[in-house]
């Protein structure tokens, strides 16, 4: 009996210095490393092709962070008792989705401008300012927490304080996503019911309508179907990406609440599916439903607007 216990203790997954409480599976680490590398390379190519430079500090940065994180987990699969790869992966995989969320905020602003900002509480520009600022705050808080936890771990001290700070950053980010979803839901409800919530000083019909009809004369179904196909696809992609990121945020919140040695953080399959899997789906969704392809300027954008309105729209595009 004592020999059995000794053998168990001797295994890497039960080693007292193993911070995971399991050994990361090598082939899974390689799989996610390859998937995130492919997605990031594609995003670099797509951002360059469509000249959407804001994708570099958002989606591309998220991709590189995930690559670093899964490289750390691959390193740990060879030696799970090493501290450096563990700290490398725990910090980067927690922070990585934050710039990805910022991309979703920007895309929603672009969709609002196309459908009509009079149906939104905030202008597209203010959506970018408010929610990206919240995202930046969440990123800074999580980084501070990660640094604190890493320093404590290096000194073999209790990393609970750093974990609580990281948890605060994730909860704040989840709250920002929740408000963003609520604002988006209200916007689409107001759009489909043709109930403007503010005066934008213009009554021009949104350029996404295929038929030149007054928006007020359409019922909810016809208004939805009158949106051009590409914009509908972008809305679908944005919704799916947001859901996957939100699922991941809920998982991370529960994980850190449970503690560094809790059952959730010590169960590999939870992390692989609810973190790695969800962010993989989110980042590939933006590869497939790419704003550069789906949110291109429509013919009516330049054909039916006055020079003054074209100038105003261009300034918004530059800002967003």
C-alpha atoms as a PDB file:
ATOM      1  CA  UNK A   1       0.000   0.000   0.000  1.00  0.00           C
ATOM      2  CA  UNK A   2       2.771   2.398   0.919  1.00  0.00           C
ATOM      3  CA  UNK A   3       4.588   1.574  -2.320  1.00  0.00           C
ATOM      4  CA  UNK A   4       1.460   2.450  -4.316  1.00  0.00           C
ATOM      5  CA  UNK A   5       1.177   5.811  -2.602  1.00  0.00           C
ATOM      6  CA  UNK A   6       4.840   6.488  -3.147  1.00  0.00           C
ATOM      7  CA  UNK A   7       4.485   5.668  -6.837  1.00  0.00           C
ATOM      8  CA  UNK A   8       1.543   8.025  -7.140  1.00  0.00           C
ATOM      9  CA  UNK A   9       3.429  10.811  -5.454  1.00  0.00           C
ATOM     10  CA  UNK A  10       6.383  10.204  -7.732  1.00  0.00           C
ATOM     11  CA  UNK A  11       4.323  10.745 -10.900  1.00  0.00           C
ATOM     12  CA  UNK A  12       4.517  14.254 -12.443  1.00  0.00           C
ATOM     13  CA  UNK A  13       0.777  14.916 -12.079  1.00  0.00           C
ATOM     14  CA  UNK A  14       0.966  14.319  -8.305  1.00  0.00           C
ATOM     15  CA  UNK A  15       4.302  16.026  -7.767  1.00  0.00           C
ATOM     16  CA  UNK A  16       4.057  18.643  -4.981  1.00  0.00           C
ATOM     17  CA  UNK A  17       5.809  21.184  -7.206  1.00  0.00           C
ATOM     18  CA  UNK A  18       3.413  20.669 -10.134  1.00  0.00           C
ATOM     19  CA  UNK A  19       1.275  23.883 -10.226  1.00  0.00           C
ATOM     20  CA  UNK A  20      -1.231  22.382 -12.702  1.00  0.00           C
ATOM     21  CA  UNK A  21      -2.101  19.318 -10.605  1.00  0.00           C
ATOM     22  CA  UNK A  22      -2.020  17.494 -13.941  1.00  0.00           C
ATOM     23  CA  UNK A  23       0.302  17.152 -16.924  1.00  0.00           C
ATOM     24  CA  UNK A  24      -0.816  19.119 -20.020  1.00  0.00           C
ATOM     25  CA  UNK A  25      -1.451  16.685 -22.875  1.00  0.00           C
ATOM     26  CA  UNK A  26       1.235  17.211 -25.502  1.00  0.00           C
ATOM     27  CA  UNK A  27      -0.835  16.600 -28.633  1.00  0.00           C
ATOM     28  CA  UNK A  28      -3.581  18.956 -27.448  1.00  0.00           C
ATOM     29  CA  UNK A  29      -0.999  21.680 -26.831  1.00  0.00           C
ATOM     30  CA  UNK A  30       0.438  21.147 -30.317  1.00  0.00           C
ATOM     31  CA  UNK A  31      -3.058  21.214 -31.829  1.00  0.00           C
ATOM     32  CA  UNK A  32      -3.993  24.550 -30.264  1.00  0.00           C
ATOM     33  CA  UNK A  33      -0.558  25.984 -31.023  1.00  0.00           C
ATOM     34  CA  UNK A  34      -1.017  25.142 -34.712  1.00  0.00           C
ATOM     35  CA  UNK A  35      -4.625  26.373 -34.805  1.00  0.00           C
ATOM     36  CA  UNK A  36      -3.796  29.745 -33.253  1.00  0.00           C
ATOM     37  CA  UNK A  37      -0.721  30.125 -35.469  1.00  0.00           C
ATOM     38  CA  UNK A  38      -2.774  29.535 -38.621  1.00  0.00           C
ATOM     39  CA  UNK A  39      -5.529  31.908 -37.495  1.00  0.00           C
ATOM     40  CA  UNK A  40      -3.022  34.639 -36.614  1.00  0.00           C
ATOM     41  CA  UNK A  41      -1.191  34.348 -39.945  1.00  0.00           C
ATOM     42  CA  UNK A  42      -4.534  34.548 -41.751  1.00  0.00           C
ATOM     43  CA  UNK A  43      -5.519  37.625 -39.742  1.00  0.00           C
ATOM     44  CA  UNK A  44      -2.230  39.346 -40.584  1.00  0.00           C
ATOM     45  CA  UNK A  45      -2.822  38.642 -44.274  1.00  0.00           C
ATOM     46  CA  UNK A  46      -6.478  39.724 -44.138  1.00  0.00           C
ATOM     47  CA  UNK A  47      -5.753  42.897 -42.169  1.00  0.00           C
ATOM     48  CA  UNK A  48      -3.030  43.843 -44.658  1.00  0.00           C
ATOM     49  CA  UNK A  49      -5.180  43.039 -47.683  1.00  0.00           C
ATOM     50  CA  UNK A  50      -8.159  45.067 -46.488  1.00  0.00           C
ATOM     51  CA  UNK A  51      -5.959  47.743 -44.840  1.00  0.00           C
ATOM     52  CA  UNK A  52      -7.739  47.379 -41.507  1.00  0.00           C
ATOM     53  CA  UNK A  53      -4.784  48.325 -39.323  1.00  0.00           C
ATOM     54  CA  UNK A  54      -6.844  48.313 -36.108  1.00  0.00           C
ATOM     55  CA  UNK A  55      -6.910  44.521 -36.353  1.00  0.00           C
ATOM     56  CA  UNK A  56      -3.202  44.361 -35.463  1.00  0.00           C
ATOM     57  CA  UNK A  57      -3.472  45.695 -31.876  1.00  0.00           C
ATOM     58  CA  UNK A  58      -6.669  43.694 -31.386  1.00  0.00           C
ATOM     59  CA  UNK A  59      -7.157  40.319 -33.082  1.00  0.00           C
ATOM     60  CA  UNK A  60      -3.538  39.770 -34.151  1.00  0.00           C
ATOM     61  CA  UNK A  61      -2.261  40.641 -30.680  1.00  0.00           C
ATOM     62  CA  UNK A  62      -4.750  38.192 -29.182  1.00  0.00           C
ATOM     63  CA  UNK A  63      -3.493  35.505 -31.539  1.00  0.00           C
ATOM     64  CA  UNK A  64       0.151  36.047 -30.591  1.00  0.00           C
ATOM     65  CA  UNK A  65      -0.730  35.953 -26.885  1.00  0.00           C
ATOM     66  CA  UNK A  66      -2.546  32.642 -27.342  1.00  0.00           C
ATOM     67  CA  UNK A  67       0.454  31.260 -29.235  1.00  0.00           C
ATOM     68  CA  UNK A  68       2.718  32.196 -26.325  1.00  0.00           C
ATOM     69  CA  UNK A  69       0.298  30.663 -23.865  1.00  0.00           C
ATOM     70  CA  UNK A  70       0.011  27.348 -25.636  1.00  0.00           C
ATOM     71  CA  UNK A  71       3.762  27.270 -26.252  1.00  0.00           C
ATOM     72  CA  UNK A  72       4.121  27.532 -22.478  1.00  0.00           C
ATOM     73  CA  UNK A  73       1.701  24.647 -21.971  1.00  0.00           C
ATOM     74  CA  UNK A  74       3.597  22.572 -24.553  1.00  0.00           C
ATOM     75  CA  UNK A  75       6.787  23.288 -22.619  1.00  0.00           C
ATOM     76  CA  UNK A  76       5.035  22.218 -19.423  1.00  0.00           C
ATOM     77  CA  UNK A  77       3.945  18.959 -21.042  1.00  0.00           C
ATOM     78  CA  UNK A  78       7.635  18.021 -21.120  1.00  0.00           C
ATOM     79  CA  UNK A  79       8.364  19.210 -17.579  1.00  0.00           C
ATOM     80  CA  UNK A  80       5.241  20.152 -15.601  1.00  0.00           C
ATOM     81  CA  UNK A  81       7.185  21.099 -12.469  1.00  0.00           C
ATOM     82  CA  UNK A  82       8.931  24.068 -14.095  1.00  0.00           C
ATOM     83  CA  UNK A  83       7.499  27.379 -12.926  1.00  0.00           C
ATOM     84  CA  UNK A  84       8.383  29.628 -15.884  1.00  0.00           C
ATOM     85  CA  UNK A  85       6.204  27.929 -18.533  1.00  0.00           C
ATOM     86  CA  UNK A  86       3.322  27.726 -16.064  1.00  0.00           C
ATOM     87  CA  UNK A  87       3.474  31.459 -15.337  1.00  0.00           C
ATOM     88  CA  UNK A  88       3.898  32.131 -19.053  1.00  0.00           C
ATOM     89  CA  UNK A  89       0.731  30.252 -19.987  1.00  0.00           C
ATOM     90  CA  UNK A  90      -1.480  31.336 -17.092  1.00  0.00           C
ATOM     91  CA  UNK A  91      -0.773  35.029 -17.707  1.00  0.00           C
ATOM     92  CA  UNK A  92      -1.050  35.061 -21.488  1.00  0.00           C
ATOM     93  CA  UNK A  93      -4.138  32.854 -21.796  1.00  0.00           C
ATOM     94  CA  UNK A  94      -5.978  35.019 -19.264  1.00  0.00           C
ATOM     95  CA  UNK A  95      -5.034  38.289 -20.984  1.00  0.00           C
ATOM     96  CA  UNK A  96      -5.208  37.130 -24.637  1.00  0.00           C
ATOM     97  CA  UNK A  97      -8.983  37.425 -25.244  1.00  0.00           C
ATOM     98  CA  UNK A  98      -9.036  41.053 -24.042  1.00  0.00           C
ATOM     99  CA  UNK A  99      -7.857  42.612 -27.343  1.00  0.00           C
ATOM    100  CA  UNK A 100     -10.168  40.204 -29.176  1.00  0.00           C
ATOM    101  CA  UNK A 101     -13.089  41.669 -27.253  1.00  0.00           C
ATOM    102  CA  UNK A 102     -11.970  45.156 -28.324  1.00  0.00           C
ATOM    103  CA  UNK A 103     -12.269  44.084 -31.973  1.00  0.00           C
ATOM    104  CA  UNK A 104     -15.880  43.050 -31.358  1.00  0.00           C
ATOM    105  CA  UNK A 105     -16.614  46.459 -29.827  1.00  0.00           C
ATOM    106  CA  UNK A 106     -15.228  48.204 -32.917  1.00  0.00           C
ATOM    107  CA  UNK A 107     -17.158  45.944 -35.306  1.00  0.00           C
ATOM    108  CA  UNK A 108     -20.426  46.664 -33.493  1.00  0.00           C
ATOM    109  CA  UNK A 109     -19.766  50.393 -33.933  1.00  0.00           C
ATOM    110  CA  UNK A 110     -19.320  49.880 -37.658  1.00  0.00           C
ATOM    111  CA  UNK A 111     -22.563  47.907 -37.900  1.00  0.00           C
ATOM    112  CA  UNK A 112     -24.414  50.640 -36.009  1.00  0.00           C
ATOM    113  CA  UNK A 113     -23.152  53.273 -38.435  1.00  0.00           C
ATOM    114  CA  UNK A 114     -24.385  51.202 -41.380  1.00  0.00           C
ATOM    115  CA  UNK A 115     -27.843  50.517 -39.968  1.00  0.00           C
ATOM    116  CA  UNK A 116     -28.403  53.952 -38.480  1.00  0.00           C
ATOM    117  CA  UNK A 117     -26.836  55.489 -35.378  1.00  0.00           C
ATOM    118  CA  UNK A 118     -30.172  57.103 -34.473  1.00  0.00           C
ATOM    119  CA  UNK A 119     -31.192  53.694 -33.066  1.00  0.00           C
ATOM    120  CA  UNK A 120     -28.219  53.585 -30.715  1.00  0.00           C
ATOM    121  CA  UNK A 121     -27.681  55.261 -27.337  1.00  0.00           C
ATOM    122  CA  UNK A 122     -24.073  55.958 -28.317  1.00  0.00           C
ATOM    123  CA  UNK A 123     -22.502  56.994 -31.589  1.00  0.00           C
ATOM    124  CA  UNK A 124     -20.130  54.508 -33.259  1.00  0.00           C
ATOM    125  CA  UNK A 125     -17.186  56.668 -32.175  1.00  0.00           C
ATOM    126  CA  UNK A 126     -18.312  56.659 -28.540  1.00  0.00           C
ATOM    127  CA  UNK A 127     -18.842  52.895 -28.628  1.00  0.00           C
ATOM    128  CA  UNK A 128     -15.176  52.553 -29.491  1.00  0.00           C
ATOM    129  CA  UNK A 129     -14.073  55.059 -26.834  1.00  0.00           C
ATOM    130  CA  UNK A 130     -16.216  53.752 -23.953  1.00  0.00           C
ATOM    131  CA  UNK A 131     -15.961  50.002 -24.425  1.00  0.00           C
ATOM    132  CA  UNK A 132     -12.349  49.895 -25.618  1.00  0.00           C
ATOM    133  CA  UNK A 133     -11.424  51.988 -22.573  1.00  0.00           C
ATOM    134  CA  UNK A 134     -13.161  49.422 -20.366  1.00  0.00           C
ATOM    135  CA  UNK A 135     -11.276  46.690 -22.193  1.00  0.00           C
ATOM    136  CA  UNK A 136      -7.982  48.493 -21.615  1.00  0.00           C
ATOM    137  CA  UNK A 137      -8.734  48.854 -17.897  1.00  0.00           C
ATOM    138  CA  UNK A 138      -9.526  45.132 -17.699  1.00  0.00           C
ATOM    139  CA  UNK A 139      -6.262  44.344 -19.502  1.00  0.00           C
ATOM    140  CA  UNK A 140      -4.205  46.497 -17.098  1.00  0.00           C
ATOM    141  CA  UNK A 141      -5.871  44.988 -14.013  1.00  0.00           C
ATOM    142  CA  UNK A 142      -5.321  41.445 -15.281  1.00  0.00           C
ATOM    143  CA  UNK A 143      -1.686  42.235 -16.103  1.00  0.00           C
ATOM    144  CA  UNK A 144      -1.107  43.638 -12.610  1.00  0.00           C
ATOM    145  CA  UNK A 145      -2.714  40.562 -11.084  1.00  0.00           C
ATOM    146  CA  UNK A 146      -0.661  38.258 -13.270  1.00  0.00           C
ATOM    147  CA  UNK A 147       2.569  40.027 -12.303  1.00  0.00           C
ATOM    148  CA  UNK A 148       1.651  39.852  -8.616  1.00  0.00           C
ATOM    149  CA  UNK A 149       0.785  36.159  -8.798  1.00  0.00           C
ATOM    150  CA  UNK A 150       3.960  35.399 -10.737  1.00  0.00           C
ATOM    151  CA  UNK A 151       6.165  37.196  -8.239  1.00  0.00           C
ATOM    152  CA  UNK A 152       4.505  35.391  -5.335  1.00  0.00           C
ATOM    153  CA  UNK A 153       4.897  32.036  -7.061  1.00  0.00           C
ATOM    154  CA  UNK A 154       8.594  32.649  -7.720  1.00  0.00           C
ATOM    155  CA  UNK A 155       9.098  33.294  -4.023  1.00  0.00           C
ATOM    156  CA  UNK A 156       6.972  30.262  -3.114  1.00  0.00           C
ATOM    157  CA  UNK A 157       4.441  32.522  -1.396  1.00  0.00           C
ATOM    158  CA  UNK A 158       0.653  32.536  -1.533  1.00  0.00           C
ATOM    159  CA  UNK A 159      -0.459  33.851  -4.943  1.00  0.00           C
ATOM    160  CA  UNK A 160      -4.049  34.427  -3.795  1.00  0.00           C
ATOM    161  CA  UNK A 161      -3.737  38.224  -3.895  1.00  0.00           C
ATOM    162  CA  UNK A 162      -2.616  38.219  -7.512  1.00  0.00           C
ATOM    163  CA  UNK A 163      -5.353  35.744  -8.353  1.00  0.00           C
ATOM    164  CA  UNK A 164      -7.974  38.002  -6.791  1.00  0.00           C
ATOM    165  CA  UNK A 165      -6.697  40.966  -8.820  1.00  0.00           C
ATOM    166  CA  UNK A 166      -6.832  38.908 -12.020  1.00  0.00           C
ATOM    167  CA  UNK A 167     -10.328  37.781 -11.070  1.00  0.00           C
ATOM    168  CA  UNK A 168     -11.346  41.424 -10.629  1.00  0.00           C
ATOM    169  CA  UNK A 169     -10.093  42.226 -14.132  1.00  0.00           C
ATOM    170  CA  UNK A 170     -12.000  39.307 -15.641  1.00  0.00           C
ATOM    171  CA  UNK A 171     -15.198  40.186 -13.777  1.00  0.00           C
ATOM    172  CA  UNK A 172     -14.890  43.809 -14.905  1.00  0.00           C
ATOM    173  CA  UNK A 173     -14.402  42.649 -18.483  1.00  0.00           C
ATOM    174  CA  UNK A 174     -17.397  40.323 -18.239  1.00  0.00           C
ATOM    175  CA  UNK A 175     -19.491  43.207 -16.911  1.00  0.00           C
ATOM    176  CA  UNK A 176     -18.384  45.370 -19.856  1.00  0.00           C
ATOM    177  CA  UNK A 177     -19.323  42.573 -22.285  1.00  0.00           C
ATOM    178  CA  UNK A 178     -22.717  42.269 -20.593  1.00  0.00           C
ATOM    179  CA  UNK A 179     -23.404  46.001 -20.986  1.00  0.00           C
ATOM    180  CA  UNK A 180     -22.174  45.837 -24.586  1.00  0.00           C
ATOM    181  CA  UNK A 181     -24.564  42.950 -25.326  1.00  0.00           C
ATOM    182  CA  UNK A 182     -27.434  44.853 -23.700  1.00  0.00           C
ATOM    183  CA  UNK A 183     -26.675  47.961 -25.783  1.00  0.00           C
ATOM    184  CA  UNK A 184     -26.434  45.860 -28.943  1.00  0.00           C
ATOM    185  CA  UNK A 185     -29.725  44.101 -28.162  1.00  0.00           C
ATOM    186  CA  UNK A 186     -31.449  47.434 -27.590  1.00  0.00           C
ATOM    187  CA  UNK A 187     -30.017  48.813 -30.829  1.00  0.00           C
ATOM    188  CA  UNK A 188     -31.282  45.917 -32.938  1.00  0.00           C
ATOM    189  CA  UNK A 189     -34.672  46.005 -31.218  1.00  0.00           C
ATOM    190  CA  UNK A 190     -35.006  49.727 -31.943  1.00  0.00           C
ATOM    191  CA  UNK A 191     -33.848  49.218 -35.510  1.00  0.00           C
ATOM    192  CA  UNK A 192     -36.305  46.400 -36.264  1.00  0.00           C
ATOM    193  CA  UNK A 193     -39.159  48.360 -34.672  1.00  0.00           C
ATOM    194  CA  UNK A 194     -38.012  51.628 -36.272  1.00  0.00           C
ATOM    195  CA  UNK A 195     -37.893  53.451 -32.938  1.00  0.00           C
ATOM    196  CA  UNK A 196     -34.989  55.927 -32.926  1.00  0.00           C
ATOM    197  CA  UNK A 197     -33.632  56.724 -29.458  1.00  0.00           C
ATOM    198  CA  UNK A 198     -31.837  59.942 -30.369  1.00  0.00           C
ATOM    199  CA  UNK A 199     -31.748  62.626 -33.017  1.00  0.00           C
ATOM    200  CA  UNK A 200     -28.685  62.441 -35.247  1.00  0.00           C
ATOM    201  CA  UNK A 201     -29.650  65.439 -37.347  1.00  0.00           C
ATOM    202  CA  UNK A 202     -30.219  63.383 -40.499  1.00  0.00           C
ATOM    203  CA  UNK A 203     -33.109  61.416 -41.960  1.00  0.00           C
ATOM    204  CA  UNK A 204     -31.199  59.673 -44.724  1.00  0.00           C
ATOM    205  CA  UNK A 205     -32.245  56.052 -45.239  1.00  0.00           C
ATOM    206  CA  UNK A 206     -29.580  53.636 -44.122  1.00  0.00           C
ATOM    207  CA  UNK A 207     -27.359  52.558 -47.058  1.00  0.00           C
ATOM    208  CA  UNK A 208     -27.737  48.864 -46.227  1.00  0.00           C
ATOM    209  CA  UNK A 209     -31.259  48.782 -47.638  1.00  0.00           C
ATOM    210  CA  UNK A 210     -31.320  47.018 -50.961  1.00  0.00           C
ATOM    211  CA  UNK A 211     -34.554  48.686 -52.115  1.00  0.00           C
ATOM    212  CA  UNK A 212     -34.857  52.458 -52.029  1.00  0.00           C
ATOM    213  CA  UNK A 213     -37.807  52.661 -49.617  1.00  0.00           C
ATOM    214  CA  UNK A 214     -38.384  54.710 -46.529  1.00  0.00           C
ATOM    215  CA  UNK A 215     -37.416  52.714 -43.448  1.00  0.00           C
ATOM    216  CA  UNK A 216     -40.558  53.834 -41.605  1.00  0.00           C
ATOM    217  CA  UNK A 217     -42.807  52.102 -44.152  1.00  0.00           C
ATOM    218  CA  UNK A 218     -41.296  48.673 -43.565  1.00  0.00           C
ATOM    219  CA  UNK A 219     -42.444  46.121 -41.027  1.00  0.00           C
ATOM    220  CA  UNK A 220     -39.967  44.331 -38.752  1.00  0.00           C
ATOM    221  CA  UNK A 221     -39.479  41.332 -41.047  1.00  0.00           C
ATOM    222  CA  UNK A 222     -38.972  43.378 -44.187  1.00  0.00           C
ATOM    223  CA  UNK A 223     -36.587  45.697 -42.372  1.00  0.00           C
ATOM    224  CA  UNK A 224     -34.503  42.713 -41.286  1.00  0.00           C
ATOM    225  CA  UNK A 225     -34.523  41.154 -44.754  1.00  0.00           C
ATOM    226  CA  UNK A 226     -33.735  44.463 -46.443  1.00  0.00           C
ATOM    227  CA  UNK A 227     -30.300  44.498 -44.802  1.00  0.00           C
ATOM    228  CA  UNK A 228     -27.700  43.404 -47.306  1.00  0.00           C
ATOM    229  CA  UNK A 229     -26.434  39.822 -47.005  1.00  0.00           C
ATOM    230  CA  UNK A 230     -22.908  40.742 -45.961  1.00  0.00           C
ATOM    231  CA  UNK A 231     -24.088  42.875 -43.054  1.00  0.00           C
ATOM    232  CA  UNK A 232     -26.395  40.087 -41.877  1.00  0.00           C
ATOM    233  CA  UNK A 233     -23.474  37.661 -41.969  1.00  0.00           C
ATOM    234  CA  UNK A 234     -21.307  40.084 -40.002  1.00  0.00           C
ATOM    235  CA  UNK A 235     -24.012  40.416 -37.344  1.00  0.00           C
ATOM    236  CA  UNK A 236     -24.241  36.612 -37.136  1.00  0.00           C
ATOM    237  CA  UNK A 237     -20.468  36.253 -36.842  1.00  0.00           C
ATOM    238  CA  UNK A 238     -20.240  38.989 -34.225  1.00  0.00           C
ATOM    239  CA  UNK A 239     -22.999  37.392 -32.155  1.00  0.00           C
ATOM    240  CA  UNK A 240     -21.357  33.955 -32.235  1.00  0.00           C
ATOM    241  CA  UNK A 241     -17.919  35.359 -31.379  1.00  0.00           C
ATOM    242  CA  UNK A 242     -19.372  37.313 -28.456  1.00  0.00           C
ATOM    243  CA  UNK A 243     -21.145  34.223 -27.076  1.00  0.00           C
ATOM    244  CA  UNK A 244     -17.963  32.112 -27.162  1.00  0.00           C
ATOM    245  CA  UNK A 245     -15.910  34.840 -25.449  1.00  0.00           C
ATOM    246  CA  UNK A 246     -18.603  35.293 -22.802  1.00  0.00           C
ATOM    247  CA  UNK A 247     -18.644  31.533 -22.095  1.00  0.00           C
ATOM    248  CA  UNK A 248     -14.889  31.650 -21.642  1.00  0.00           C
ATOM    249  CA  UNK A 249     -15.180  34.652 -19.280  1.00  0.00           C
ATOM    250  CA  UNK A 250     -17.714  32.814 -17.125  1.00  0.00           C
ATOM    251  CA  UNK A 251     -15.412  29.793 -16.977  1.00  0.00           C
ATOM    252  CA  UNK A 252     -12.385  31.881 -15.977  1.00  0.00           C
ATOM    253  CA  UNK A 253     -14.403  33.681 -13.313  1.00  0.00           C
ATOM    254  CA  UNK A 254     -15.553  30.412 -11.767  1.00  0.00           C
ATOM    255  CA  UNK A 255     -12.058  28.928 -12.117  1.00  0.00           C
ATOM    256  CA  UNK A 256     -10.265  31.717 -10.237  1.00  0.00           C
ATOM    257  CA  UNK A 257     -13.046  31.930  -7.659  1.00  0.00           C
ATOM    258  CA  UNK A 258     -12.493  28.247  -6.954  1.00  0.00           C
ATOM    259  CA  UNK A 259      -8.821  28.931  -6.155  1.00  0.00           C
ATOM    260  CA  UNK A 260      -5.409  27.944  -7.512  1.00  0.00           C
ATOM    261  CA  UNK A 261      -5.763  24.406  -6.202  1.00  0.00           C
ATOM    262  CA  UNK A 262      -9.486  24.038  -6.828  1.00  0.00           C
ATOM    263  CA  UNK A 263     -11.087  21.237  -8.808  1.00  0.00           C
ATOM    264  CA  UNK A 264     -11.880  23.430 -11.812  1.00  0.00           C
ATOM    265  CA  UNK A 265      -8.380  24.801 -12.424  1.00  0.00           C
ATOM    266  CA  UNK A 266      -6.987  21.308 -11.779  1.00  0.00           C
ATOM    267  CA  UNK A 267      -9.178  19.672 -14.464  1.00  0.00           C
ATOM    268  CA  UNK A 268      -7.507  19.903 -17.863  1.00  0.00           C
ATOM    269  CA  UNK A 269     -10.559  19.196 -20.013  1.00  0.00           C
ATOM    270  CA  UNK A 270     -12.349  22.270 -18.656  1.00  0.00           C
ATOM    271  CA  UNK A 271      -9.500  24.501 -19.730  1.00  0.00           C
ATOM    272  CA  UNK A 272      -9.105  22.878 -23.150  1.00  0.00           C
ATOM    273  CA  UNK A 273     -12.793  23.171 -24.023  1.00  0.00           C
ATOM    274  CA  UNK A 274     -13.983  26.296 -22.202  1.00  0.00           C
ATOM    275  CA  UNK A 275     -10.893  28.431 -22.725  1.00  0.00           C
ATOM    276  CA  UNK A 276      -8.854  27.123 -25.637  1.00  0.00           C
ATOM    277  CA  UNK A 277     -11.860  25.831 -27.567  1.00  0.00           C
ATOM    278  CA  UNK A 278     -13.983  28.954 -27.098  1.00  0.00           C
ATOM    279  CA  UNK A 279     -11.225  31.397 -28.098  1.00  0.00           C
ATOM    280  CA  UNK A 280     -10.345  29.222 -31.101  1.00  0.00           C
ATOM    281  CA  UNK A 281     -13.953  29.449 -32.269  1.00  0.00           C
ATOM    282  CA  UNK A 282     -14.000  33.210 -31.653  1.00  0.00           C
ATOM    283  CA  UNK A 283     -10.804  33.988 -33.555  1.00  0.00           C
ATOM    284  CA  UNK A 284     -11.678  31.728 -36.508  1.00  0.00           C
ATOM    285  CA  UNK A 285     -15.163  33.247 -36.648  1.00  0.00           C
ATOM    286  CA  UNK A 286     -13.545  36.596 -37.450  1.00  0.00           C
ATOM    287  CA  UNK A 287     -11.430  34.881 -40.110  1.00  0.00           C
ATOM    288  CA  UNK A 288     -14.574  33.560 -41.791  1.00  0.00           C
ATOM    289  CA  UNK A 289     -16.854  36.526 -41.080  1.00  0.00           C
ATOM    290  CA  UNK A 290     -14.198  39.121 -41.728  1.00  0.00           C
ATOM    291  CA  UNK A 291     -15.147  42.826 -41.454  1.00  0.00           C
ATOM    292  CA  UNK A 292     -12.855  43.686 -44.354  1.00  0.00           C
ATOM    293  CA  UNK A 293     -14.913  41.466 -46.653  1.00  0.00           C
ATOM    294  CA  UNK A 294     -18.374  41.878 -45.157  1.00  0.00           C
ATOM    295  CA  UNK A 295     -18.357  45.569 -44.202  1.00  0.00           C
ATOM    296  CA  UNK A 296     -17.032  47.007 -47.448  1.00  0.00           C
ATOM    297  CA  UNK A 297     -18.525  50.350 -48.575  1.00  0.00           C
ATOM    298  CA  UNK A 298     -21.817  49.865 -50.415  1.00  0.00           C
ATOM    299  CA  UNK A 299     -22.552  51.539 -53.763  1.00  0.00           C
ATOM    300  CA  UNK A 300     -25.209  53.722 -52.157  1.00  0.00           C
ATOM    301  CA  UNK A 301     -22.640  55.013 -49.667  1.00  0.00           C
ATOM    302  CA  UNK A 302     -21.106  57.194 -52.340  1.00  0.00           C
ATOM    303  CA  UNK A 303     -23.908  57.426 -54.867  1.00  0.00           C
ATOM    304  CA  UNK A 304     -26.712  58.982 -52.846  1.00  0.00           C
ATOM    305  CA  UNK A 305     -25.018  61.160 -50.274  1.00  0.00           C
ATOM    306  CA  UNK A 306     -23.992  64.776 -50.431  1.00  0.00           C
ATOM    307  CA  UNK A 307     -20.286  65.700 -50.271  1.00  0.00           C
ATOM    308  CA  UNK A 308     -20.852  66.994 -46.731  1.00  0.00           C
ATOM    309  CA  UNK A 309     -22.314  63.660 -45.573  1.00  0.00           C
ATOM    310  CA  UNK A 310     -19.570  61.730 -47.363  1.00  0.00           C
ATOM    311  CA  UNK A 311     -16.969  63.804 -45.525  1.00  0.00           C
ATOM    312  CA  UNK A 312     -18.701  63.171 -42.196  1.00  0.00           C
ATOM    313  CA  UNK A 313     -18.899  59.419 -42.856  1.00  0.00           C
ATOM    314  CA  UNK A 314     -15.239  59.306 -43.843  1.00  0.00           C
ATOM    315  CA  UNK A 315     -14.225  60.970 -40.580  1.00  0.00           C
ATOM    316  CA  UNK A 316     -16.149  58.310 -38.642  1.00  0.00           C
ATOM    317  CA  UNK A 317     -14.460  55.554 -40.672  1.00  0.00           C
ATOM    318  CA  UNK A 318     -11.075  57.036 -39.891  1.00  0.00           C
ATOM    319  CA  UNK A 319     -11.898  57.197 -36.192  1.00  0.00           C
ATOM    320  CA  UNK A 320     -13.349  53.682 -35.999  1.00  0.00           C
END
